[in-house]
């Protein structure tokens, strides 16, 4: 019974410390701004465009599938983002292999 109470007290104290730390950081900055959203790895879309972000140290080849039932191949360099086209034209893109012909 005492162990359960001790664990509960420690959890409550840890939560209070985390909350206090978060609040003090926000107070030091004046207003807390939203953190920028990092680009995801792989295929992703925005409201108007399609991209492929490669999160690796090698050059890779990807296959890009388009809504008109065609495909194309692109090389994506290390740690780079490639614009694939308008969102309405691109269906999907997927990793094929390391290196490009």
PDB file of N, CA and C in Angstrom:
ATOM      1  N   UNK A   1       0.821  -1.186   0.000  1.00  0.00           N
ATOM      2  CA  UNK A   1       0.000   0.000   0.000  1.00  0.00           C
ATOM      3  C   UNK A   1       0.870   1.256   0.000  1.00  0.00           C
ATOM      4  N   UNK A   2       1.944   1.258   0.805  1.00  0.00           N
ATOM      5  CA  UNK A   2       2.821   2.419   0.872  1.00  0.00           C
ATOM      6  C   UNK A   2       3.555   2.625  -0.449  1.00  0.00           C
ATOM      7  N   UNK A   3       3.922   1.533  -1.126  1.00  0.00           N
ATOM      8  CA  UNK A   3       4.625   1.647  -2.393  1.00  0.00           C
ATOM      9  C   UNK A   3       3.729   2.304  -3.443  1.00  0.00           C
ATOM     10  N   UNK A   4       2.471   1.959  -3.444  1.00  0.00           N
ATOM     11  CA  UNK A   4       1.536   2.542  -4.413  1.00  0.00           C
ATOM     12  C   UNK A   4       1.390   4.038  -4.171  1.00  0.00           C
ATOM     13  N   UNK A   5       1.280   4.451  -2.912  1.00  0.00           N
ATOM     14  CA  UNK A   5       1.175   5.880  -2.580  1.00  0.00           C
ATOM     15  C   UNK A   5       2.450   6.631  -2.960  1.00  0.00           C
ATOM     16  N   UNK A   6       3.603   6.014  -2.707  1.00  0.00           N
ATOM     17  CA  UNK A   6       4.865   6.646  -3.046  1.00  0.00           C
ATOM     18  C   UNK A   6       4.973   6.835  -4.564  1.00  0.00           C
ATOM     19  N   UNK A   7       4.603   5.809  -5.326  1.00  0.00           N
ATOM     20  CA  UNK A   7       4.650   5.906  -6.785  1.00  0.00           C
ATOM     21  C   UNK A   7       3.712   7.002  -7.276  1.00  0.00           C
ATOM     22  N   UNK A   8       2.535   7.102  -6.691  1.00  0.00           N
ATOM     23  CA  UNK A   8       1.572   8.132  -7.088  1.00  0.00           C
ATOM     24  C   UNK A   8       2.122   9.520  -6.778  1.00  0.00           C
ATOM     25  N   UNK A   9       2.739   9.681  -5.599  1.00  0.00           N
ATOM     26  CA  UNK A   9       3.310  10.971  -5.218  1.00  0.00           C
ATOM     27  C   UNK A   9       4.451  11.357  -6.158  1.00  0.00           C
ATOM     28  N   UNK A  10       5.291  10.385  -6.524  1.00  0.00           N
ATOM     29  CA  UNK A  10       6.406  10.672  -7.413  1.00  0.00           C
ATOM     30  C   UNK A  10       5.899  11.066  -8.799  1.00  0.00           C
ATOM     31  N   UNK A  11       4.855  10.392  -9.276  1.00  0.00           N
ATOM     32  CA  UNK A  11       4.277  10.724 -10.572  1.00  0.00           C
ATOM     33  C   UNK A  11       3.703  12.130 -10.550  1.00  0.00           C
ATOM     34  N   UNK A  12       3.008  12.475  -9.485  1.00  0.00           N
ATOM     35  CA  UNK A  12       2.433  13.809  -9.342  1.00  0.00           C
ATOM     36  C   UNK A  12       3.523  14.867  -9.297  1.00  0.00           C
ATOM     37  N   UNK A  13       4.606  14.598  -8.545  1.00  0.00           N
ATOM     38  CA  UNK A  13       5.709  15.554  -8.458  1.00  0.00           C
ATOM     39  C   UNK A  13       6.396  15.717  -9.814  1.00  0.00           C
ATOM     40  N   UNK A  14       6.602  14.627 -10.532  1.00  0.00           N
ATOM     41  CA  UNK A  14       7.242  14.707 -11.846  1.00  0.00           C
ATOM     42  C   UNK A  14       6.386  15.518 -12.802  1.00  0.00           C
ATOM     43  N   UNK A  15       5.091  15.299 -12.774  1.00  0.00           N
ATOM     44  CA  UNK A  15       4.191  16.058 -13.643  1.00  0.00           C
ATOM     45  C   UNK A  15       4.239  17.541 -13.297  1.00  0.00           C
ATOM     46  N   UNK A  16       4.299  17.858 -12.016  1.00  0.00           N
ATOM     47  CA  UNK A  16       4.366  19.257 -11.597  1.00  0.00           C
ATOM     48  C   UNK A  16       5.666  19.907 -12.069  1.00  0.00           C
ATOM     49  N   UNK A  17       6.774  19.184 -11.978  1.00  0.00           N
ATOM     50  CA  UNK A  17       8.051  19.726 -12.430  1.00  0.00           C
ATOM     51  C   UNK A  17       8.060  19.960 -13.940  1.00  0.00           C
ATOM     52  N   UNK A  18       7.517  19.009 -14.687  1.00  0.00           N
ATOM     53  CA  UNK A  18       7.459  19.172 -16.132  1.00  0.00           C
ATOM     54  C   UNK A  18       6.594  20.365 -16.496  1.00  0.00           C
ATOM     55  N   UNK A  19       5.434  20.482 -15.860  1.00  0.00           N
ATOM     56  CA  UNK A  19       4.546  21.608 -16.126  1.00  0.00           C
ATOM     57  C   UNK A  19       5.219  22.920 -15.777  1.00  0.00           C
ATOM     58  N   UNK A  20       5.883  22.976 -14.648  1.00  0.00           N
ATOM     59  CA  UNK A  20       6.560  24.203 -14.234  1.00  0.00           C
ATOM     60  C   UNK A  20       7.662  24.555 -15.226  1.00  0.00           C
ATOM     61  N   UNK A  21       8.397  23.556 -15.680  1.00  0.00           N
ATOM     62  CA  UNK A  21       9.458  23.805 -16.649  1.00  0.00           C
ATOM     63  C   UNK A  21       8.911  24.336 -17.963  1.00  0.00           C
ATOM     64  N   UNK A  22       7.832  23.755 -18.437  1.00  0.00           N
ATOM     65  CA  UNK A  22       7.217  24.206 -19.691  1.00  0.00           C
ATOM     66  C   UNK A  22       6.686  25.619 -19.535  1.00  0.00           C
ATOM     67  N   UNK A  23       6.030  25.903 -18.409  1.00  0.00           N
ATOM     68  CA  UNK A  23       5.481  27.234 -18.200  1.00  0.00           C
ATOM     69  C   UNK A  23       6.583  28.278 -18.067  1.00  0.00           C
ATOM     70  N   UNK A  24       7.683  27.924 -17.416  1.00  0.00           N
ATOM     71  CA  UNK A  24       8.741  28.915 -17.255  1.00  0.00           C
ATOM     72  C   UNK A  24       9.433  29.198 -18.582  1.00  0.00           C
ATOM     73  N   UNK A  25       9.562  28.205 -19.438  1.00  0.00           N
ATOM     74  CA  UNK A  25      10.158  28.437 -20.750  1.00  0.00           C
ATOM     75  C   UNK A  25       9.276  29.376 -21.548  1.00  0.00           C
ATOM     76  N   UNK A  26       7.965  29.133 -21.542  1.00  0.00           N
ATOM     77  CA  UNK A  26       7.040  30.003 -22.260  1.00  0.00           C
ATOM     78  C   UNK A  26       7.056  31.410 -21.703  1.00  0.00           C
ATOM     79  N   UNK A  27       7.171  31.545 -20.385  1.00  0.00           N
ATOM     80  CA  UNK A  27       7.177  32.860 -19.764  1.00  0.00           C
ATOM     81  C   UNK A  27       8.453  33.618 -20.109  1.00  0.00           C
ATOM     82  N   UNK A  28       9.568  32.908 -20.196  1.00  0.00           N
ATOM     83  CA  UNK A  28      10.831  33.574 -20.512  1.00  0.00           C
ATOM     84  C   UNK A  28      10.813  34.152 -21.918  1.00  0.00           C
ATOM     85  N   UNK A  29      10.099  33.490 -22.834  1.00  0.00           N
ATOM     86  CA  UNK A  29      10.040  33.975 -24.200  1.00  0.00           C
ATOM     87  C   UNK A  29       8.953  35.018 -24.396  1.00  0.00           C
ATOM     88  N   UNK A  30       8.129  35.215 -23.435  1.00  0.00           N
ATOM     89  CA  UNK A  30       7.024  36.158 -23.570  1.00  0.00           C
ATOM     90  C   UNK A  30       5.783  35.463 -24.103  1.00  0.00           C
ATOM     91  N   UNK A  31       5.843  35.029 -25.325  1.00  0.00           N
ATOM     92  CA  UNK A  31       4.743  34.252 -25.886  1.00  0.00           C
ATOM     93  C   UNK A  31       5.330  33.008 -26.514  1.00  0.00           C
ATOM     94  N   UNK A  32       4.674  31.906 -26.303  1.00  0.00           N
ATOM     95  CA  UNK A  32       5.150  30.643 -26.864  1.00  0.00           C
ATOM     96  C   UNK A  32       4.692  30.545 -28.313  1.00  0.00           C
ATOM     97  N   UNK A  33       5.645  30.422 -29.221  1.00  0.00           N
ATOM     98  CA  UNK A  33       5.331  30.273 -30.640  1.00  0.00           C
ATOM     99  C   UNK A  33       5.309  28.798 -30.993  1.00  0.00           C
ATOM    100  N   UNK A  34       4.508  28.436 -31.945  1.00  0.00           N
ATOM    101  CA  UNK A  34       4.443  27.047 -32.384  1.00  0.00           C
ATOM    102  C   UNK A  34       5.758  26.678 -33.072  1.00  0.00           C
ATOM    103  N   UNK A  35       6.237  25.484 -32.770  1.00  0.00           N
ATOM    104  CA  UNK A  35       7.472  25.012 -33.394  1.00  0.00           C
ATOM    105  C   UNK A  35       7.221  24.738 -34.875  1.00  0.00           C
ATOM    106  N   UNK A  36       8.196  25.039 -35.722  1.00  0.00           N
ATOM    107  CA  UNK A  36       8.004  24.769 -37.148  1.00  0.00           C
ATOM    108  C   UNK A  36       7.882  23.262 -37.381  1.00  0.00           C
ATOM    109  N   UNK A  37       7.075  22.882 -38.330  1.00  0.00           N
ATOM    110  CA  UNK A  37       6.868  21.477 -38.646  1.00  0.00           C
ATOM    111  C   UNK A  37       7.938  21.045 -39.641  1.00  0.00           C
ATOM    112  N   UNK A  38       8.670  20.015 -39.285  1.00  0.00           N
ATOM    113  CA  UNK A  38       9.716  19.512 -40.167  1.00  0.00           C
ATOM    114  C   UNK A  38       9.095  18.739 -41.325  1.00  0.00           C
ATOM    115  N   UNK A  39       9.793  18.745 -42.451  1.00  0.00           N
ATOM    116  CA  UNK A  39       9.318  17.967 -43.584  1.00  0.00           C
ATOM    117  C   UNK A  39       9.434  16.484 -43.234  1.00  0.00           C
ATOM    118  N   UNK A  40       8.414  15.699 -43.547  1.00  0.00           N
ATOM    119  CA  UNK A  40       8.506  14.260 -43.272  1.00  0.00           C
ATOM    120  C   UNK A  40       9.423  13.580 -44.286  1.00  0.00           C
ATOM    121  N   UNK A  41       9.919  12.430 -43.947  1.00  0.00           N
ATOM    122  CA  UNK A  41      10.729  11.655 -44.880  1.00  0.00           C
ATOM    123  C   UNK A  41       9.808  10.893 -45.823  1.00  0.00           C
ATOM    124  N   UNK A  42      10.231  10.762 -47.079  1.00  0.00           N
ATOM    125  CA  UNK A  42       9.435  10.041 -48.069  1.00  0.00           C
ATOM    126  C   UNK A  42       8.468  10.966 -48.793  1.00  0.00           C
ATOM    127  N   UNK A  43       7.448  10.358 -49.380  1.00  0.00           N
ATOM    128  CA  UNK A  43       6.457  11.109 -50.153  1.00  0.00           C
ATOM    129  C   UNK A  43       5.538  11.889 -49.224  1.00  0.00           C
ATOM    130  N   UNK A  44       5.266  13.140 -49.575  1.00  0.00           N
ATOM    131  CA  UNK A  44       4.272  13.919 -48.844  1.00  0.00           C
ATOM    132  C   UNK A  44       3.694  14.988 -49.758  1.00  0.00           C
ATOM    133  N   UNK A  45       2.544  15.493 -49.370  1.00  0.00           N
ATOM    134  CA  UNK A  45       1.853  16.524 -50.146  1.00  0.00           C
ATOM    135  C   UNK A  45       1.540  17.717 -49.269  1.00  0.00           C
ATOM    136  N   UNK A  46       1.517  18.875 -49.897  1.00  0.00           N
ATOM    137  CA  UNK A  46       0.986  20.076 -49.261  1.00  0.00           C
ATOM    138  C   UNK A  46      -0.388  20.308 -49.874  1.00  0.00           C
ATOM    139  N   UNK A  47      -0.957  21.451 -49.647  1.00  0.00           N
ATOM    140  CA  UNK A  47      -2.284  21.708 -50.208  1.00  0.00           C
ATOM    141  C   UNK A  47      -2.265  21.770 -51.728  1.00  0.00           C
ATOM    142  N   UNK A  48      -1.108  22.063 -52.333  1.00  0.00           N
ATOM    143  CA  UNK A  48      -1.053  22.214 -53.795  1.00  0.00           C
ATOM    144  C   UNK A  48       0.040  21.405 -54.483  1.00  0.00           C
ATOM    145  N   UNK A  49       1.038  20.905 -53.747  1.00  0.00           N
ATOM    146  CA  UNK A  49       2.214  20.298 -54.374  1.00  0.00           C
ATOM    147  C   UNK A  49       2.544  18.937 -53.789  1.00  0.00           C
ATOM    148  N   UNK A  50       3.308  18.153 -54.546  1.00  0.00           N
ATOM    149  CA  UNK A  50       3.784  16.842 -54.093  1.00  0.00           C
ATOM    150  C   UNK A  50       5.314  16.873 -54.025  1.00  0.00           C
ATOM    151  N   UNK A  51       5.870  16.230 -52.996  1.00  0.00           N
ATOM    152  CA  UNK A  51       7.307  16.224 -52.757  1.00  0.00           C
ATOM    153  C   UNK A  51       7.775  14.836 -52.322  1.00  0.00           C
ATOM    154  N   UNK A  52       9.083  14.621 -52.457  1.00  0.00           N
ATOM    155  CA  UNK A  52       9.719  13.443 -51.869  1.00  0.00           C
ATOM    156  C   UNK A  52      10.951  13.923 -51.122  1.00  0.00           C
ATOM    157  N   UNK A  53      11.027  13.634 -49.830  1.00  0.00           N
ATOM    158  CA  UNK A  53      12.183  14.012 -49.000  1.00  0.00           C
ATOM    159  C   UNK A  53      12.974  12.763 -48.680  1.00  0.00           C
ATOM    160  N   UNK A  54      14.259  12.801 -49.039  1.00  0.00           N
ATOM    161  CA  UNK A  54      15.153  11.681 -48.748  1.00  0.00           C
ATOM    162  C   UNK A  54      15.940  11.989 -47.485  1.00  0.00           C
ATOM    163  N   UNK A  55      15.758  11.176 -46.473  1.00  0.00           N
ATOM    164  CA  UNK A  55      16.432  11.363 -45.182  1.00  0.00           C
ATOM    165  C   UNK A  55      17.551  10.341 -45.035  1.00  0.00           C
ATOM    166  N   UNK A  56      18.514  10.411 -45.900  1.00  0.00           N
ATOM    167  CA  UNK A  56      19.633   9.484 -45.847  1.00  0.00           C
ATOM    168  C   UNK A  56      20.867  10.097 -46.479  1.00  0.00           C
ATOM    169  N   UNK A  57      21.983   9.401 -46.358  1.00  0.00           N
ATOM    170  CA  UNK A  57      23.265   9.950 -46.799  1.00  0.00           C
ATOM    171  C   UNK A  57      23.689   9.486 -48.188  1.00  0.00           C
ATOM    172  N   UNK A  58      22.818   8.784 -48.903  1.00  0.00           N
ATOM    173  CA  UNK A  58      23.140   8.317 -50.253  1.00  0.00           C
ATOM    174  C   UNK A  58      22.151   8.910 -51.251  1.00  0.00           C
ATOM    175  N   UNK A  59      22.496   8.851 -52.521  1.00  0.00           N
ATOM    176  CA  UNK A  59      21.559   9.227 -53.574  1.00  0.00           C
ATOM    177  C   UNK A  59      20.684   8.012 -53.856  1.00  0.00           C
ATOM    178  N   UNK A  60      19.384   8.237 -54.045  1.00  0.00           N
ATOM    179  CA  UNK A  60      18.459   7.136 -54.307  1.00  0.00           C
ATOM    180  C   UNK A  60      17.639   7.410 -55.559  1.00  0.00           C
ATOM    181  N   UNK A  61      17.045   6.356 -56.087  1.00  0.00           N
ATOM    182  CA  UNK A  61      16.110   6.499 -57.190  1.00  0.00           C
ATOM    183  C   UNK A  61      14.704   6.220 -56.666  1.00  0.00           C
ATOM    184  N   UNK A  62      13.751   7.063 -57.076  1.00  0.00           N
ATOM    185  CA  UNK A  62      12.355   6.861 -56.701  1.00  0.00           C
ATOM    186  C   UNK A  62      11.513   6.706 -57.969  1.00  0.00           C
ATOM    187  N   UNK A  63      10.389   6.016 -57.832  1.00  0.00           N
ATOM    188  CA  UNK A  63       9.413   5.929 -58.922  1.00  0.00           C
ATOM    189  C   UNK A  63       8.266   6.853 -58.565  1.00  0.00           C
ATOM    190  N   UNK A  64       7.880   7.704 -59.500  1.00  0.00           N
ATOM    191  CA  UNK A  64       6.782   8.643 -59.299  1.00  0.00           C
ATOM    192  C   UNK A  64       5.611   8.168 -60.151  1.00  0.00           C
ATOM    193  N   UNK A  65       4.478   7.917 -59.512  1.00  0.00           N
ATOM    194  CA  UNK A  65       3.256   7.511 -60.219  1.00  0.00           C
ATOM    195  C   UNK A  65       2.349   8.719 -60.369  1.00  0.00           C
ATOM    196  N   UNK A  66       1.854   8.894 -61.584  1.00  0.00           N
ATOM    197  CA  UNK A  66       0.994  10.035 -61.889  1.00  0.00           C
ATOM    198  C   UNK A  66      -0.448   9.579 -62.058  1.00  0.00           C
ATOM    199  N   UNK A  67      -1.368  10.519 -61.888  1.00  0.00           N
ATOM    200  CA  UNK A  67      -2.797  10.214 -61.977  1.00  0.00           C
ATOM    201  C   UNK A  67      -3.219   9.774 -63.380  1.00  0.00           C
ATOM    202  N   UNK A  68      -2.450  10.057 -64.422  1.00  0.00           N
ATOM    203  CA  UNK A  68      -2.797   9.640 -65.779  1.00  0.00           C
ATOM    204  C   UNK A  68      -2.254   8.242 -66.097  1.00  0.00           C
ATOM    205  N   UNK A  69      -1.941   7.461 -65.056  1.00  0.00           N
ATOM    206  CA  UNK A  69      -1.478   6.066 -65.166  1.00  0.00           C
ATOM    207  C   UNK A  69      -0.108   5.927 -65.825  1.00  0.00           C
ATOM    208  N   UNK A  70       0.738   6.933 -65.699  1.00  0.00           N
ATOM    209  CA  UNK A  70       2.119   6.834 -66.153  1.00  0.00           C
ATOM    210  C   UNK A  70       3.034   6.900 -64.940  1.00  0.00           C
ATOM    211  N   UNK A  71       4.282   6.522 -65.136  1.00  0.00           N
ATOM    212  CA  UNK A  71       5.279   6.575 -64.073  1.00  0.00           C
ATOM    213  C   UNK A  71       6.555   7.191 -64.608  1.00  0.00           C
ATOM    214  N   UNK A  72       7.345   7.733 -63.720  1.00  0.00           N
ATOM    215  CA  UNK A  72       8.644   8.267 -64.070  1.00  0.00           C
ATOM    216  C   UNK A  72       9.624   7.942 -62.961  1.00  0.00           C
ATOM    217  N   UNK A  73      10.898   8.098 -63.235  1.00  0.00           N
ATOM    218  CA  UNK A  73      11.943   7.824 -62.246  1.00  0.00           C
ATOM    219  C   UNK A  73      12.771   9.075 -62.038  1.00  0.00           C
ATOM    220  N   UNK A  74      13.114   9.321 -60.782  1.00  0.00           N
ATOM    221  CA  UNK A  74      13.885  10.511 -60.411  1.00  0.00           C
ATOM    222  C   UNK A  74      14.982  10.120 -59.439  1.00  0.00           C
ATOM    223  N   UNK A  75      16.091  10.843 -59.481  1.00  0.00           N
ATOM    224  CA  UNK A  75      17.163  10.689 -58.507  1.00  0.00           C
ATOM    225  C   UNK A  75      17.009  11.768 -57.439  1.00  0.00           C
ATOM    226  N   UNK A  76      17.130  11.359 -56.193  1.00  0.00           N
ATOM    227  CA  UNK A  76      17.026  12.297 -55.073  1.00  0.00           C
ATOM    228  C   UNK A  76      18.331  12.216 -54.291  1.00  0.00           C
ATOM    229  N   UNK A  77      18.972  13.354 -54.120  1.00  0.00           N
ATOM    230  CA  UNK A  77      20.246  13.416 -53.410  1.00  0.00           C
ATOM    231  C   UNK A  77      20.090  13.266 -51.911  1.00  0.00           C
ATOM    232  N   UNK A  78      21.216  13.089 -51.237  1.00  0.00           N
ATOM    233  CA  UNK A  78      21.195  12.929 -49.778  1.00  0.00           C
ATOM    234  C   UNK A  78      20.594  14.150 -49.081  1.00  0.00           C
ATOM    235  N   UNK A  79      19.744  13.887 -48.123  1.00  0.00           N
ATOM    236  CA  UNK A  79      19.151  14.917 -47.267  1.00  0.00           C
ATOM    237  C   UNK A  79      18.518  16.042 -48.080  1.00  0.00           C
ATOM    238  N   UNK A  80      17.827  15.688 -49.146  1.00  0.00           N
ATOM    239  CA  UNK A  80      17.230  16.722 -49.988  1.00  0.00           C
ATOM    240  C   UNK A  80      15.747  16.459 -50.220  1.00  0.00           C
ATOM    241  N   UNK A  81      15.075  17.485 -50.671  1.00  0.00           N
ATOM    242  CA  UNK A  81      13.653  17.412 -50.976  1.00  0.00           C
ATOM    243  C   UNK A  81      13.466  17.724 -52.453  1.00  0.00           C
ATOM    244  N   UNK A  82      12.721  16.868 -53.137  1.00  0.00           N
ATOM    245  CA  UNK A  82      12.470  17.065 -54.561  1.00  0.00           C
ATOM    246  C   UNK A  82      11.003  17.401 -54.783  1.00  0.00           C
ATOM    247  N   UNK A  83      10.792  18.483 -55.522  1.00  0.00           N
ATOM    248  CA  UNK A  83       9.443  18.845 -55.952  1.00  0.00           C
ATOM    249  C   UNK A  83       9.051  17.901 -57.087  1.00  0.00           C
ATOM    250  N   UNK A  84       7.910  17.231 -56.946  1.00  0.00           N
ATOM    251  CA  UNK A  84       7.479  16.259 -57.940  1.00  0.00           C
ATOM    252  C   UNK A  84       6.437  16.804 -58.904  1.00  0.00           C
ATOM    253  N   UNK A  85       5.739  17.837 -58.502  1.00  0.00           N
ATOM    254  CA  UNK A  85       4.717  18.418 -59.365  1.00  0.00           C
ATOM    255  C   UNK A  85       3.499  18.835 -58.567  1.00  0.00           C
ATOM    256  N   UNK A  86       2.475  19.184 -59.311  1.00  0.00           N
ATOM    257  CA  UNK A  86       1.231  19.587 -58.658  1.00  0.00           C
ATOM    258  C   UNK A  86       0.555  18.376 -58.018  1.00  0.00           C
ATOM    259  N   UNK A  87      -0.051  18.595 -56.885  1.00  0.00           N
ATOM    260  CA  UNK A  87      -0.720  17.526 -56.146  1.00  0.00           C
ATOM    261  C   UNK A  87      -1.763  16.815 -57.007  1.00  0.00           C
ATOM    262  N   UNK A  88      -2.455  17.554 -57.865  1.00  0.00           N
ATOM    263  CA  UNK A  88      -3.504  16.951 -58.694  1.00  0.00           C
ATOM    264  C   UNK A  88      -2.925  16.056 -59.788  1.00  0.00           C
ATOM    265  N   UNK A  89      -1.625  16.170 -60.082  1.00  0.00           N
ATOM    266  CA  UNK A  89      -0.995  15.356 -61.125  1.00  0.00           C
ATOM    267  C   UNK A  89      -0.265  14.130 -60.584  1.00  0.00           C
ATOM    268  N   UNK A  90       0.250  14.215 -59.350  1.00  0.00           N
ATOM    269  CA  UNK A  90       1.067  13.144 -58.778  1.00  0.00           C
ATOM    270  C   UNK A  90       0.210  12.272 -57.866  1.00  0.00           C
ATOM    271  N   UNK A  91       0.268  10.964 -58.107  1.00  0.00           N
ATOM    272  CA  UNK A  91      -0.477  10.017 -57.270  1.00  0.00           C
ATOM    273  C   UNK A  91       0.358   9.590 -56.061  1.00  0.00           C
ATOM    274  N   UNK A  92       1.611   9.181 -56.298  1.00  0.00           N
ATOM    275  CA  UNK A  92       2.444   8.670 -55.220  1.00  0.00           C
ATOM    276  C   UNK A  92       3.893   8.589 -55.695  1.00  0.00           C
ATOM    277  N   UNK A  93       4.842   8.483 -54.776  1.00  0.00           N
ATOM    278  CA  UNK A  93       6.242   8.240 -55.101  1.00  0.00           C
ATOM    279  C   UNK A  93       6.793   7.258 -54.084  1.00  0.00           C
ATOM    280  N   UNK A  94       7.666   6.380 -54.565  1.00  0.00           N
ATOM    281  CA  UNK A  94       8.191   5.338 -53.683  1.00  0.00           C
ATOM    282  C   UNK A  94       9.667   5.068 -53.997  1.00  0.00           C
ATOM    283  N   UNK A  95      10.414   4.751 -52.953  1.00  0.00           N
ATOM    284  CA  UNK A  95      11.833   4.406 -53.051  1.00  0.00           C
ATOM    285  C   UNK A  95      11.997   3.169 -53.935  1.00  0.00           C
ATOM    286  N   UNK A  96      12.997   3.187 -54.807  1.00  0.00           N
ATOM    287  CA  UNK A  96      13.317   2.023 -55.643  1.00  0.00           C
ATOM    288  C   UNK A  96      14.608   1.353 -55.204  1.00  0.00           C
ATOM    289  N   UNK A  97      15.708   2.106 -55.166  1.00  0.00           N
ATOM    290  CA  UNK A  97      16.988   1.533 -54.769  1.00  0.00           C
ATOM    291  C   UNK A  97      18.022   2.636 -54.572  1.00  0.00           C
ATOM    292  N   UNK A  98      19.149   2.262 -53.978  1.00  0.00           N
ATOM    293  CA  UNK A  98      20.263   3.188 -53.789  1.00  0.00           C
ATOM    294  C   UNK A  98      20.954   3.399 -55.122  1.00  0.00           C
ATOM    295  N   UNK A  99      21.331   4.623 -55.380  1.00  0.00           N
ATOM    296  CA  UNK A  99      22.042   4.958 -56.598  1.00  0.00           C
ATOM    297  C   UNK A  99      21.091   5.236 -57.762  1.00  0.00           C
ATOM    298  N   UNK A 100      21.646   5.881 -58.773  1.00  0.00           N
ATOM    299  CA  UNK A 100      20.880   6.203 -59.974  1.00  0.00           C
ATOM    300  C   UNK A 100      21.678   5.779 -61.198  1.00  0.00           C
ATOM    301  N   UNK A 101      20.977   5.356 -62.221  1.00  0.00           N
ATOM    302  CA  UNK A 101      21.692   4.924 -63.439  1.00  0.00           C
ATOM    303  C   UNK A 101      22.415   6.070 -64.125  1.00  0.00           C
TER     304      UNK A 101
END
